[in-house]
């Protein structure tokens, strides 16, 4: 956990600042938890001589079970192909600001019972410091429940949702990213619950992708796709899985393709667990140029970390400008 809100768990570039030596020393998960107050003190004493990029990552087995207990030595991190020195490493169950993007278009009508179970499972995995908001989208996107620490408000709103109309997914993401600017927690995530692509938004995919790349928000998605009905679906809905793949991968989240709606609650609970099983990798980029260019990030695991493990992480960031 990084207690100071100036450090974001999505991706933050601290212009002209570096962690003091106490925060940069090698730390394992247990050591960080045991020295929370010391780390907090170190982070309040930033010196103006370096920059820190922070990348969240989570590791799972091939079947999706979170892997905990790894150390800094298990990770390698590259920026634009150049290996970087990981100077900060931590893992903690930090509070989350979570935005649920709920598809209430007409095609969701018969899926509502399982969607309610999925929402309940997601909220059950939360802790007392989390905060939430709800964005519903059909013909248009709207913030149905603004930021609150009471997840029951979101659940009750969903219970009374009446699906209709088409799907404005991109507008919903745009609206949710705007809502995230009011978040109190440094860790931020959107969870999209939808069954297809966009066919109504004013915003385009490229616009949303660009805004997302500049944010510190992770995106998770539960994409509900009926393969048997594929021949009858319009092109934009057939493109839905690809869209959700890109939005989630670039942000360091995950896209769970749902082929059996009965599995929705279990997947939702898995997302809640993922949000609380993250590693935080910090480094001072060797390329200190403030040129505003996109920096591609690549994270790998050392072979001895374990067989067939998967690591998900934010794929890059835009460098600052003068």
C-alpha atoms as a PDB file:
ATOM      1  CA  UNK A   1       0.000   0.000   0.000  1.00  0.00           C
ATOM      2  CA  UNK A   2       1.176   3.529  -0.712  1.00  0.00           C
ATOM      3  CA  UNK A   3      -0.596   5.689   1.842  1.00  0.00           C
ATOM      4  CA  UNK A   4       0.113   9.103   0.295  1.00  0.00           C
ATOM      5  CA  UNK A   5      -2.587   9.995  -2.241  1.00  0.00           C
ATOM      6  CA  UNK A   6      -0.037  11.732  -4.435  1.00  0.00           C
ATOM      7  CA  UNK A   7       1.033   8.256  -5.506  1.00  0.00           C
ATOM      8  CA  UNK A   8      -1.601   6.526  -7.617  1.00  0.00           C
ATOM      9  CA  UNK A   9      -1.854   2.770  -7.981  1.00  0.00           C
ATOM     10  CA  UNK A  10      -3.006   3.067 -11.589  1.00  0.00           C
ATOM     11  CA  UNK A  11      -0.054   4.980 -13.005  1.00  0.00           C
ATOM     12  CA  UNK A  12       1.476   8.176 -11.731  1.00  0.00           C
ATOM     13  CA  UNK A  13       4.472  10.122 -12.886  1.00  0.00           C
ATOM     14  CA  UNK A  14       5.789  12.284 -10.058  1.00  0.00           C
ATOM     15  CA  UNK A  15       7.335  15.223 -11.865  1.00  0.00           C
ATOM     16  CA  UNK A  16      10.705  16.127 -10.438  1.00  0.00           C
ATOM     17  CA  UNK A  17      10.241  13.919  -7.369  1.00  0.00           C
ATOM     18  CA  UNK A  18      11.784  10.698  -6.126  1.00  0.00           C
ATOM     19  CA  UNK A  19      11.261   8.516  -3.115  1.00  0.00           C
ATOM     20  CA  UNK A  20      13.638   8.996  -0.218  1.00  0.00           C
ATOM     21  CA  UNK A  21      16.156   6.252   0.438  1.00  0.00           C
ATOM     22  CA  UNK A  22      14.000   4.634   3.124  1.00  0.00           C
ATOM     23  CA  UNK A  23      11.203   4.019   0.614  1.00  0.00           C
ATOM     24  CA  UNK A  24      13.534   2.871  -2.189  1.00  0.00           C
ATOM     25  CA  UNK A  25      15.242   0.034  -0.351  1.00  0.00           C
ATOM     26  CA  UNK A  26      14.366  -3.565  -1.239  1.00  0.00           C
ATOM     27  CA  UNK A  27      11.081  -4.491   0.391  1.00  0.00           C
ATOM     28  CA  UNK A  28       9.012  -7.652   0.307  1.00  0.00           C
ATOM     29  CA  UNK A  29       5.275  -7.914   0.916  1.00  0.00           C
ATOM     30  CA  UNK A  30       5.616  -8.785   4.597  1.00  0.00           C
ATOM     31  CA  UNK A  31       8.236  -6.093   5.196  1.00  0.00           C
ATOM     32  CA  UNK A  32       6.006  -3.419   3.661  1.00  0.00           C
ATOM     33  CA  UNK A  33       3.054  -4.427   5.780  1.00  0.00           C
ATOM     34  CA  UNK A  34       5.202  -4.414   8.887  1.00  0.00           C
ATOM     35  CA  UNK A  35       6.561  -0.925   8.217  1.00  0.00           C
ATOM     36  CA  UNK A  36       3.468   0.935   7.011  1.00  0.00           C
ATOM     37  CA  UNK A  37       4.120   3.971   9.186  1.00  0.00           C
ATOM     38  CA  UNK A  38       7.761   4.158   8.128  1.00  0.00           C
ATOM     39  CA  UNK A  39       6.840   3.983   4.448  1.00  0.00           C
ATOM     40  CA  UNK A  40       4.205   6.675   4.920  1.00  0.00           C
ATOM     41  CA  UNK A  41       6.778   8.941   6.584  1.00  0.00           C
ATOM     42  CA  UNK A  42       9.259   8.356   3.761  1.00  0.00           C
ATOM     43  CA  UNK A  43       6.701   9.256   1.127  1.00  0.00           C
ATOM     44  CA  UNK A  44       6.027  12.605   2.750  1.00  0.00           C
ATOM     45  CA  UNK A  45       9.694  13.556   2.324  1.00  0.00           C
ATOM     46  CA  UNK A  46      10.143  13.672  -1.452  1.00  0.00           C
ATOM     47  CA  UNK A  47      13.325  15.100  -2.889  1.00  0.00           C
ATOM     48  CA  UNK A  48      13.448  16.934  -6.210  1.00  0.00           C
ATOM     49  CA  UNK A  49      15.964  14.947  -8.234  1.00  0.00           C
ATOM     50  CA  UNK A  50      14.163  12.090  -9.982  1.00  0.00           C
ATOM     51  CA  UNK A  51      10.839  10.833 -11.318  1.00  0.00           C
ATOM     52  CA  UNK A  52       8.892   7.768 -10.297  1.00  0.00           C
ATOM     53  CA  UNK A  53       6.598   5.721 -12.509  1.00  0.00           C
ATOM     54  CA  UNK A  54       4.277   3.355 -10.662  1.00  0.00           C
ATOM     55  CA  UNK A  55       2.787   0.271 -12.350  1.00  0.00           C
ATOM     56  CA  UNK A  56       0.225  -2.017 -10.688  1.00  0.00           C
ATOM     57  CA  UNK A  57       0.430  -5.698 -11.604  1.00  0.00           C
ATOM     58  CA  UNK A  58      -1.351  -8.839 -10.532  1.00  0.00           C
ATOM     59  CA  UNK A  59      -0.251 -12.424 -11.067  1.00  0.00           C
ATOM     60  CA  UNK A  60      -2.516 -15.416 -11.541  1.00  0.00           C
ATOM     61  CA  UNK A  61      -2.229 -19.082 -12.375  1.00  0.00           C
ATOM     62  CA  UNK A  62      -3.419 -20.302 -15.751  1.00  0.00           C
ATOM     63  CA  UNK A  63      -6.899 -20.899 -14.259  1.00  0.00           C
ATOM     64  CA  UNK A  64      -7.087 -17.408 -12.745  1.00  0.00           C
ATOM     65  CA  UNK A  65      -6.140 -18.014  -9.094  1.00  0.00           C
ATOM     66  CA  UNK A  66      -4.238 -15.025  -7.654  1.00  0.00           C
ATOM     67  CA  UNK A  67      -0.587 -15.672  -6.801  1.00  0.00           C
ATOM     68  CA  UNK A  68       0.707 -13.924  -3.688  1.00  0.00           C
ATOM     69  CA  UNK A  69       4.040 -13.970  -1.859  1.00  0.00           C
ATOM     70  CA  UNK A  70       6.251 -12.977  -4.798  1.00  0.00           C
ATOM     71  CA  UNK A  71       9.171 -10.607  -4.249  1.00  0.00           C
ATOM     72  CA  UNK A  72      10.775  -7.849  -6.271  1.00  0.00           C
ATOM     73  CA  UNK A  73      13.322 -10.324  -7.614  1.00  0.00           C
ATOM     74  CA  UNK A  74      10.517 -12.237  -9.356  1.00  0.00           C
ATOM     75  CA  UNK A  75       9.723  -9.318 -11.693  1.00  0.00           C
ATOM     76  CA  UNK A  76      11.523  -7.679 -14.617  1.00  0.00           C
ATOM     77  CA  UNK A  77      10.238  -4.397 -16.059  1.00  0.00           C
ATOM     78  CA  UNK A  78      11.055  -2.773 -19.393  1.00  0.00           C
ATOM     79  CA  UNK A  79      10.205   0.653 -20.807  1.00  0.00           C
ATOM     80  CA  UNK A  80      10.365   0.928 -24.602  1.00  0.00           C
ATOM     81  CA  UNK A  81      12.488  -2.228 -24.602  1.00  0.00           C
ATOM     82  CA  UNK A  82      15.014  -0.975 -22.034  1.00  0.00           C
ATOM     83  CA  UNK A  83      15.119  -2.792 -18.700  1.00  0.00           C
ATOM     84  CA  UNK A  84      14.449  -0.589 -15.676  1.00  0.00           C
ATOM     85  CA  UNK A  85      15.522  -0.946 -12.051  1.00  0.00           C
ATOM     86  CA  UNK A  86      12.540  -1.554  -9.766  1.00  0.00           C
ATOM     87  CA  UNK A  87      13.215   0.798  -6.863  1.00  0.00           C
ATOM     88  CA  UNK A  88       9.858   0.475  -5.098  1.00  0.00           C
ATOM     89  CA  UNK A  89       7.930  -2.720  -4.470  1.00  0.00           C
ATOM     90  CA  UNK A  90       4.861  -3.331  -2.327  1.00  0.00           C
ATOM     91  CA  UNK A  91       1.674  -5.334  -2.056  1.00  0.00           C
ATOM     92  CA  UNK A  92      -1.321  -4.376   0.047  1.00  0.00           C
ATOM     93  CA  UNK A  93      -5.101  -4.406   0.188  1.00  0.00           C
ATOM     94  CA  UNK A  94      -5.592  -0.673  -0.382  1.00  0.00           C
ATOM     95  CA  UNK A  95      -9.056   0.941  -0.554  1.00  0.00           C
ATOM     96  CA  UNK A  96     -10.574   1.074  -4.032  1.00  0.00           C
ATOM     97  CA  UNK A  97     -12.816   3.552  -5.803  1.00  0.00           C
ATOM     98  CA  UNK A  98     -14.891   1.321  -8.063  1.00  0.00           C
ATOM     99  CA  UNK A  99     -17.224   2.412 -10.822  1.00  0.00           C
ATOM    100  CA  UNK A 100     -19.712  -0.174 -12.053  1.00  0.00           C
ATOM    101  CA  UNK A 101     -20.752   0.353 -15.689  1.00  0.00           C
ATOM    102  CA  UNK A 102     -24.020  -1.508 -16.071  1.00  0.00           C
ATOM    103  CA  UNK A 103     -25.452  -2.264 -19.503  1.00  0.00           C
ATOM    104  CA  UNK A 104     -29.205  -1.725 -19.256  1.00  0.00           C
ATOM    105  CA  UNK A 105     -29.947  -1.994 -22.969  1.00  0.00           C
ATOM    106  CA  UNK A 106     -32.817  -4.127 -24.221  1.00  0.00           C
ATOM    107  CA  UNK A 107     -30.735  -7.230 -24.876  1.00  0.00           C
ATOM    108  CA  UNK A 108     -29.989  -7.557 -21.155  1.00  0.00           C
ATOM    109  CA  UNK A 109     -33.613  -8.193 -20.210  1.00  0.00           C
ATOM    110  CA  UNK A 110     -33.429 -11.984 -19.837  1.00  0.00           C
ATOM    111  CA  UNK A 111     -30.060 -11.826 -18.047  1.00  0.00           C
ATOM    112  CA  UNK A 112     -31.082  -9.597 -15.137  1.00  0.00           C
ATOM    113  CA  UNK A 113     -31.299 -12.259 -12.375  1.00  0.00           C
ATOM    114  CA  UNK A 114     -27.695 -13.353 -12.921  1.00  0.00           C
ATOM    115  CA  UNK A 115     -26.537  -9.752 -13.349  1.00  0.00           C
ATOM    116  CA  UNK A 116     -27.921  -8.982  -9.897  1.00  0.00           C
ATOM    117  CA  UNK A 117     -26.043 -11.955  -8.448  1.00  0.00           C
ATOM    118  CA  UNK A 118     -22.855 -10.736 -10.140  1.00  0.00           C
ATOM    119  CA  UNK A 119     -23.234  -7.254  -8.665  1.00  0.00           C
ATOM    120  CA  UNK A 120     -23.856  -8.688  -5.206  1.00  0.00           C
ATOM    121  CA  UNK A 121     -20.706 -10.841  -5.441  1.00  0.00           C
ATOM    122  CA  UNK A 122     -18.617  -7.840  -6.475  1.00  0.00           C
ATOM    123  CA  UNK A 123     -19.842  -5.720  -3.585  1.00  0.00           C
ATOM    124  CA  UNK A 124     -19.384  -8.574  -1.114  1.00  0.00           C
ATOM    125  CA  UNK A 125     -15.638  -8.558  -1.880  1.00  0.00           C
ATOM    126  CA  UNK A 126     -15.317  -4.890  -0.889  1.00  0.00           C
ATOM    127  CA  UNK A 127     -13.969  -3.463   2.353  1.00  0.00           C
ATOM    128  CA  UNK A 128     -15.157  -0.641   4.599  1.00  0.00           C
ATOM    129  CA  UNK A 129     -12.898   2.000   3.023  1.00  0.00           C
ATOM    130  CA  UNK A 130     -14.030   1.369  -0.562  1.00  0.00           C
ATOM    131  CA  UNK A 131     -16.294   3.784  -2.423  1.00  0.00           C
ATOM    132  CA  UNK A 132     -18.522   3.158  -5.426  1.00  0.00           C
ATOM    133  CA  UNK A 133     -20.561   4.756  -8.152  1.00  0.00           C
ATOM    134  CA  UNK A 134     -22.922   3.414 -10.793  1.00  0.00           C
ATOM    135  CA  UNK A 135     -23.128   4.370 -14.467  1.00  0.00           C
ATOM    136  CA  UNK A 136     -26.024   2.845 -16.397  1.00  0.00           C
ATOM    137  CA  UNK A 137     -26.059   2.924 -20.167  1.00  0.00           C
ATOM    138  CA  UNK A 138     -28.625   2.132 -22.836  1.00  0.00           C
ATOM    139  CA  UNK A 139     -29.775   4.834 -25.273  1.00  0.00           C
ATOM    140  CA  UNK A 140     -27.620   7.199 -23.211  1.00  0.00           C
ATOM    141  CA  UNK A 141     -25.195   6.958 -20.303  1.00  0.00           C
ATOM    142  CA  UNK A 142     -25.964   8.456 -16.901  1.00  0.00           C
ATOM    143  CA  UNK A 143     -24.559   8.437 -13.377  1.00  0.00           C
ATOM    144  CA  UNK A 144     -27.379   6.676 -11.543  1.00  0.00           C
ATOM    145  CA  UNK A 145     -25.623   6.641  -8.172  1.00  0.00           C
ATOM    146  CA  UNK A 146     -22.791   9.120  -7.469  1.00  0.00           C
ATOM    147  CA  UNK A 147     -19.817   8.302  -5.256  1.00  0.00           C
ATOM    148  CA  UNK A 148     -20.850   6.602  -2.020  1.00  0.00           C
ATOM    149  CA  UNK A 149     -19.416   4.183   0.527  1.00  0.00           C
ATOM    150  CA  UNK A 150     -22.757   2.336   0.609  1.00  0.00           C
ATOM    151  CA  UNK A 151     -22.776  -0.341  -2.092  1.00  0.00           C
ATOM    152  CA  UNK A 152     -26.361  -1.205  -1.177  1.00  0.00           C
ATOM    153  CA  UNK A 153     -27.473   1.983  -2.932  1.00  0.00           C
ATOM    154  CA  UNK A 154     -26.029   0.673  -6.198  1.00  0.00           C
ATOM    155  CA  UNK A 155     -27.582  -2.749  -5.733  1.00  0.00           C
ATOM    156  CA  UNK A 156     -31.045  -1.348  -5.060  1.00  0.00           C
ATOM    157  CA  UNK A 157     -30.807   0.861  -8.131  1.00  0.00           C
ATOM    158  CA  UNK A 158     -29.895  -2.129 -10.309  1.00  0.00           C
ATOM    159  CA  UNK A 159     -32.762  -4.162  -8.843  1.00  0.00           C
ATOM    160  CA  UNK A 160     -35.212  -1.595 -10.236  1.00  0.00           C
ATOM    161  CA  UNK A 161     -33.530  -1.251 -13.645  1.00  0.00           C
ATOM    162  CA  UNK A 162     -35.749  -1.847 -16.674  1.00  0.00           C
ATOM    163  CA  UNK A 163     -33.593  -2.724 -19.718  1.00  0.00           C
ATOM    164  CA  UNK A 164     -34.442  -1.074 -23.048  1.00  0.00           C
ATOM    165  CA  UNK A 165     -32.896   0.483 -26.148  1.00  0.00           C
ATOM    166  CA  UNK A 166     -29.429   0.370 -27.663  1.00  0.00           C
ATOM    167  CA  UNK A 167     -25.907   0.475 -26.170  1.00  0.00           C
ATOM    168  CA  UNK A 168     -23.825   3.627 -25.510  1.00  0.00           C
ATOM    169  CA  UNK A 169     -20.753   1.926 -24.029  1.00  0.00           C
ATOM    170  CA  UNK A 170     -18.128   4.529 -25.034  1.00  0.00           C
ATOM    171  CA  UNK A 171     -20.190   7.371 -23.582  1.00  0.00           C
ATOM    172  CA  UNK A 172     -20.478   5.381 -20.357  1.00  0.00           C
ATOM    173  CA  UNK A 173     -16.688   4.948 -20.082  1.00  0.00           C
ATOM    174  CA  UNK A 174     -16.180   8.649 -20.795  1.00  0.00           C
ATOM    175  CA  UNK A 175     -18.687   9.589 -18.108  1.00  0.00           C
ATOM    176  CA  UNK A 176     -17.147   7.183 -15.594  1.00  0.00           C
ATOM    177  CA  UNK A 177     -13.613   8.510 -16.142  1.00  0.00           C
ATOM    178  CA  UNK A 178     -14.932  11.985 -15.418  1.00  0.00           C
ATOM    179  CA  UNK A 179     -16.566  10.730 -12.229  1.00  0.00           C
ATOM    180  CA  UNK A 180     -13.229   9.210 -11.168  1.00  0.00           C
ATOM    181  CA  UNK A 181     -11.730  12.697 -10.855  1.00  0.00           C
ATOM    182  CA  UNK A 182     -13.726  13.006  -7.613  1.00  0.00           C
ATOM    183  CA  UNK A 183     -12.356   9.758  -6.172  1.00  0.00           C
ATOM    184  CA  UNK A 184     -10.869   9.815  -2.671  1.00  0.00           C
ATOM    185  CA  UNK A 185      -8.863   6.595  -3.061  1.00  0.00           C
ATOM    186  CA  UNK A 186      -5.655   6.283  -5.058  1.00  0.00           C
ATOM    187  CA  UNK A 187      -6.571   2.870  -6.460  1.00  0.00           C
ATOM    188  CA  UNK A 188      -9.293   3.239  -9.103  1.00  0.00           C
ATOM    189  CA  UNK A 189     -11.089   0.657 -11.225  1.00  0.00           C
ATOM    190  CA  UNK A 190     -14.027   0.413 -13.594  1.00  0.00           C
ATOM    191  CA  UNK A 191     -15.984  -2.815 -14.003  1.00  0.00           C
ATOM    192  CA  UNK A 192     -18.000  -3.107 -17.218  1.00  0.00           C
ATOM    193  CA  UNK A 193     -20.919  -5.525 -17.302  1.00  0.00           C
ATOM    194  CA  UNK A 194     -22.164  -5.713 -20.878  1.00  0.00           C
ATOM    195  CA  UNK A 195     -23.170  -8.108 -23.649  1.00  0.00           C
ATOM    196  CA  UNK A 196     -21.951  -6.387 -26.773  1.00  0.00           C
ATOM    197  CA  UNK A 197     -20.382  -3.533 -28.679  1.00  0.00           C
ATOM    198  CA  UNK A 198     -21.385   0.078 -28.950  1.00  0.00           C
ATOM    199  CA  UNK A 199     -24.121   1.221 -31.321  1.00  0.00           C
ATOM    200  CA  UNK A 200     -25.242   4.537 -29.854  1.00  0.00           C
ATOM    201  CA  UNK A 201     -22.383   6.637 -28.401  1.00  0.00           C
ATOM    202  CA  UNK A 202     -21.316  10.129 -29.434  1.00  0.00           C
ATOM    203  CA  UNK A 203     -17.732   9.279 -28.504  1.00  0.00           C
ATOM    204  CA  UNK A 204     -15.560   6.934 -30.557  1.00  0.00           C
ATOM    205  CA  UNK A 205     -13.388   4.031 -29.462  1.00  0.00           C
ATOM    206  CA  UNK A 206     -10.187   5.928 -30.314  1.00  0.00           C
ATOM    207  CA  UNK A 207     -11.276   8.912 -28.225  1.00  0.00           C
ATOM    208  CA  UNK A 208     -12.025   6.726 -25.221  1.00  0.00           C
ATOM    209  CA  UNK A 209      -8.818   4.734 -25.624  1.00  0.00           C
ATOM    210  CA  UNK A 210      -6.773   7.930 -25.678  1.00  0.00           C
ATOM    211  CA  UNK A 211      -8.392   9.298 -22.524  1.00  0.00           C
ATOM    212  CA  UNK A 212      -7.984   5.961 -20.769  1.00  0.00           C
ATOM    213  CA  UNK A 213      -4.262   5.803 -21.575  1.00  0.00           C
ATOM    214  CA  UNK A 214      -3.781   9.153 -19.853  1.00  0.00           C
ATOM    215  CA  UNK A 215      -5.727   8.092 -16.756  1.00  0.00           C
ATOM    216  CA  UNK A 216      -4.711   6.024 -13.746  1.00  0.00           C
ATOM    217  CA  UNK A 217      -7.828   3.838 -13.904  1.00  0.00           C
ATOM    218  CA  UNK A 218      -7.853   0.086 -14.453  1.00  0.00           C
ATOM    219  CA  UNK A 219     -10.695  -1.428 -16.454  1.00  0.00           C
ATOM    220  CA  UNK A 220     -12.207  -4.855 -15.875  1.00  0.00           C
ATOM    221  CA  UNK A 221     -15.002  -6.301 -17.985  1.00  0.00           C
ATOM    222  CA  UNK A 222     -17.429  -9.177 -17.946  1.00  0.00           C
ATOM    223  CA  UNK A 223     -18.388  -9.585 -21.588  1.00  0.00           C
ATOM    224  CA  UNK A 224     -21.512 -11.681 -22.047  1.00  0.00           C
ATOM    225  CA  UNK A 225     -21.364 -13.195 -25.518  1.00  0.00           C
ATOM    226  CA  UNK A 226     -23.676 -15.784 -27.039  1.00  0.00           C
ATOM    227  CA  UNK A 227     -21.669 -17.638 -29.667  1.00  0.00           C
ATOM    228  CA  UNK A 228     -24.740 -19.448 -30.997  1.00  0.00           C
ATOM    229  CA  UNK A 229     -26.420 -16.132 -31.776  1.00  0.00           C
ATOM    230  CA  UNK A 230     -23.362 -14.664 -33.529  1.00  0.00           C
ATOM    231  CA  UNK A 231     -24.744 -14.984 -37.120  1.00  0.00           C
ATOM    232  CA  UNK A 232     -27.691 -12.763 -36.142  1.00  0.00           C
ATOM    233  CA  UNK A 233     -25.697 -10.035 -34.408  1.00  0.00           C
ATOM    234  CA  UNK A 234     -24.739  -6.720 -36.069  1.00  0.00           C
ATOM    235  CA  UNK A 235     -21.030  -5.960 -36.754  1.00  0.00           C
ATOM    236  CA  UNK A 236     -20.617  -3.603 -33.798  1.00  0.00           C
ATOM    237  CA  UNK A 237     -21.736  -6.307 -31.371  1.00  0.00           C
ATOM    238  CA  UNK A 238     -19.473  -8.894 -32.991  1.00  0.00           C
ATOM    239  CA  UNK A 239     -16.618  -6.462 -32.383  1.00  0.00           C
ATOM    240  CA  UNK A 240     -17.538  -6.196 -28.701  1.00  0.00           C
ATOM    241  CA  UNK A 241     -15.034  -8.807 -27.421  1.00  0.00           C
ATOM    242  CA  UNK A 242     -12.148  -7.090 -29.221  1.00  0.00           C
ATOM    243  CA  UNK A 243     -13.126  -3.683 -27.833  1.00  0.00           C
ATOM    244  CA  UNK A 244     -13.254  -4.978 -24.262  1.00  0.00           C
ATOM    245  CA  UNK A 245      -9.949  -6.812 -24.751  1.00  0.00           C
ATOM    246  CA  UNK A 246      -8.190  -3.583 -25.728  1.00  0.00           C
ATOM    247  CA  UNK A 247      -9.713  -1.395 -23.029  1.00  0.00           C
ATOM    248  CA  UNK A 248      -8.853  -3.846 -20.269  1.00  0.00           C
ATOM    249  CA  UNK A 249      -5.379  -4.899 -21.413  1.00  0.00           C
ATOM    250  CA  UNK A 250      -4.079  -1.384 -21.961  1.00  0.00           C
ATOM    251  CA  UNK A 251      -5.231  -0.305 -18.500  1.00  0.00           C
ATOM    252  CA  UNK A 252      -3.831  -3.324 -16.654  1.00  0.00           C
ATOM    253  CA  UNK A 253      -7.210  -4.912 -15.952  1.00  0.00           C
ATOM    254  CA  UNK A 254      -8.745  -8.105 -17.323  1.00  0.00           C
ATOM    255  CA  UNK A 255     -11.564  -9.075 -19.642  1.00  0.00           C
ATOM    256  CA  UNK A 256     -13.526 -12.155 -18.629  1.00  0.00           C
ATOM    257  CA  UNK A 257     -15.448 -13.552 -21.588  1.00  0.00           C
ATOM    258  CA  UNK A 258     -18.662 -15.025 -20.250  1.00  0.00           C
ATOM    259  CA  UNK A 259     -20.015 -17.910 -22.329  1.00  0.00           C
ATOM    260  CA  UNK A 260     -22.205 -19.319 -19.546  1.00  0.00           C
ATOM    261  CA  UNK A 261     -24.203 -16.655 -17.724  1.00  0.00           C
ATOM    262  CA  UNK A 262     -24.461 -18.947 -14.694  1.00  0.00           C
ATOM    263  CA  UNK A 263     -20.778 -18.279 -14.082  1.00  0.00           C
ATOM    264  CA  UNK A 264     -21.226 -14.511 -13.724  1.00  0.00           C
ATOM    265  CA  UNK A 265     -21.288 -14.382  -9.899  1.00  0.00           C
ATOM    266  CA  UNK A 266     -18.082 -16.420  -9.636  1.00  0.00           C
ATOM    267  CA  UNK A 267     -16.305 -14.199 -12.178  1.00  0.00           C
ATOM    268  CA  UNK A 268     -17.491 -11.089 -10.376  1.00  0.00           C
ATOM    269  CA  UNK A 269     -16.057 -12.407  -7.110  1.00  0.00           C
ATOM    270  CA  UNK A 270     -12.794 -13.126  -8.951  1.00  0.00           C
ATOM    271  CA  UNK A 271     -12.556  -9.486 -10.039  1.00  0.00           C
ATOM    272  CA  UNK A 272     -13.045  -8.388  -6.450  1.00  0.00           C
ATOM    273  CA  UNK A 273     -10.191 -10.683  -5.422  1.00  0.00           C
ATOM    274  CA  UNK A 274      -7.954  -9.423  -8.249  1.00  0.00           C
ATOM    275  CA  UNK A 275      -8.341  -5.850  -7.053  1.00  0.00           C
ATOM    276  CA  UNK A 276      -6.940  -6.927  -3.682  1.00  0.00           C
ATOM    277  CA  UNK A 277      -4.053  -9.083  -4.894  1.00  0.00           C
ATOM    278  CA  UNK A 278      -1.928  -6.491  -6.656  1.00  0.00           C
ATOM    279  CA  UNK A 279       1.777  -5.825  -6.644  1.00  0.00           C
ATOM    280  CA  UNK A 280       3.026  -2.263  -7.026  1.00  0.00           C
ATOM    281  CA  UNK A 281       6.200  -1.772  -9.091  1.00  0.00           C
ATOM    282  CA  UNK A 282       7.882   1.636  -9.026  1.00  0.00           C
ATOM    283  CA  UNK A 283      10.904   2.787 -11.022  1.00  0.00           C
ATOM    284  CA  UNK A 284      12.757   5.928 -12.101  1.00  0.00           C
ATOM    285  CA  UNK A 285      12.749   5.822 -15.938  1.00  0.00           C
ATOM    286  CA  UNK A 286      16.182   5.860 -17.555  1.00  0.00           C
ATOM    287  CA  UNK A 287      14.685   8.078 -20.263  1.00  0.00           C
ATOM    288  CA  UNK A 288      14.116  11.330 -18.368  1.00  0.00           C
ATOM    289  CA  UNK A 289      12.938  13.308 -21.413  1.00  0.00           C
ATOM    290  CA  UNK A 290       9.712  15.224 -20.825  1.00  0.00           C
ATOM    291  CA  UNK A 291       8.551  14.913 -24.408  1.00  0.00           C
ATOM    292  CA  UNK A 292       4.905  13.904 -23.956  1.00  0.00           C
ATOM    293  CA  UNK A 293       5.460  10.690 -25.908  1.00  0.00           C
ATOM    294  CA  UNK A 294       3.857   7.355 -25.115  1.00  0.00           C
ATOM    295  CA  UNK A 295       6.148   4.953 -23.239  1.00  0.00           C
ATOM    296  CA  UNK A 296       5.412   1.267 -23.702  1.00  0.00           C
ATOM    297  CA  UNK A 297       5.818  -0.834 -20.549  1.00  0.00           C
ATOM    298  CA  UNK A 298       6.464  -4.587 -20.480  1.00  0.00           C
ATOM    299  CA  UNK A 299       6.553  -6.716 -17.316  1.00  0.00           C
ATOM    300  CA  UNK A 300       7.769 -10.311 -17.175  1.00  0.00           C
ATOM    301  CA  UNK A 301       8.212 -12.915 -14.454  1.00  0.00           C
ATOM    302  CA  UNK A 302      11.409 -14.786 -13.760  1.00  0.00           C
ATOM    303  CA  UNK A 303      11.095 -18.499 -14.673  1.00  0.00           C
ATOM    304  CA  UNK A 304      11.611 -19.594 -11.065  1.00  0.00           C
ATOM    305  CA  UNK A 305       8.496 -17.633 -10.058  1.00  0.00           C
ATOM    306  CA  UNK A 306       6.406 -20.640 -11.017  1.00  0.00           C
ATOM    307  CA  UNK A 307       5.142 -22.551 -14.058  1.00  0.00           C
ATOM    308  CA  UNK A 308       2.620 -20.992 -16.443  1.00  0.00           C
ATOM    309  CA  UNK A 309       1.869 -17.853 -14.488  1.00  0.00           C
ATOM    310  CA  UNK A 310       0.137 -14.845 -16.034  1.00  0.00           C
ATOM    311  CA  UNK A 311       0.926 -11.229 -15.173  1.00  0.00           C
ATOM    312  CA  UNK A 312      -1.476  -8.392 -16.008  1.00  0.00           C
ATOM    313  CA  UNK A 313      -0.274  -4.792 -15.791  1.00  0.00           C
ATOM    314  CA  UNK A 314      -0.738  -1.351 -17.241  1.00  0.00           C
ATOM    315  CA  UNK A 315       0.891  -1.323 -20.687  1.00  0.00           C
ATOM    316  CA  UNK A 316       2.273   2.206 -20.739  1.00  0.00           C
ATOM    317  CA  UNK A 317       1.884   5.911 -20.062  1.00  0.00           C
ATOM    318  CA  UNK A 318       2.447   9.325 -21.628  1.00  0.00           C
ATOM    319  CA  UNK A 319       5.604  11.066 -20.479  1.00  0.00           C
ATOM    320  CA  UNK A 320       5.192  14.524 -18.974  1.00  0.00           C
ATOM    321  CA  UNK A 321       5.977  17.715 -20.863  1.00  0.00           C
ATOM    322  CA  UNK A 322       7.854  20.793 -19.725  1.00  0.00           C
END
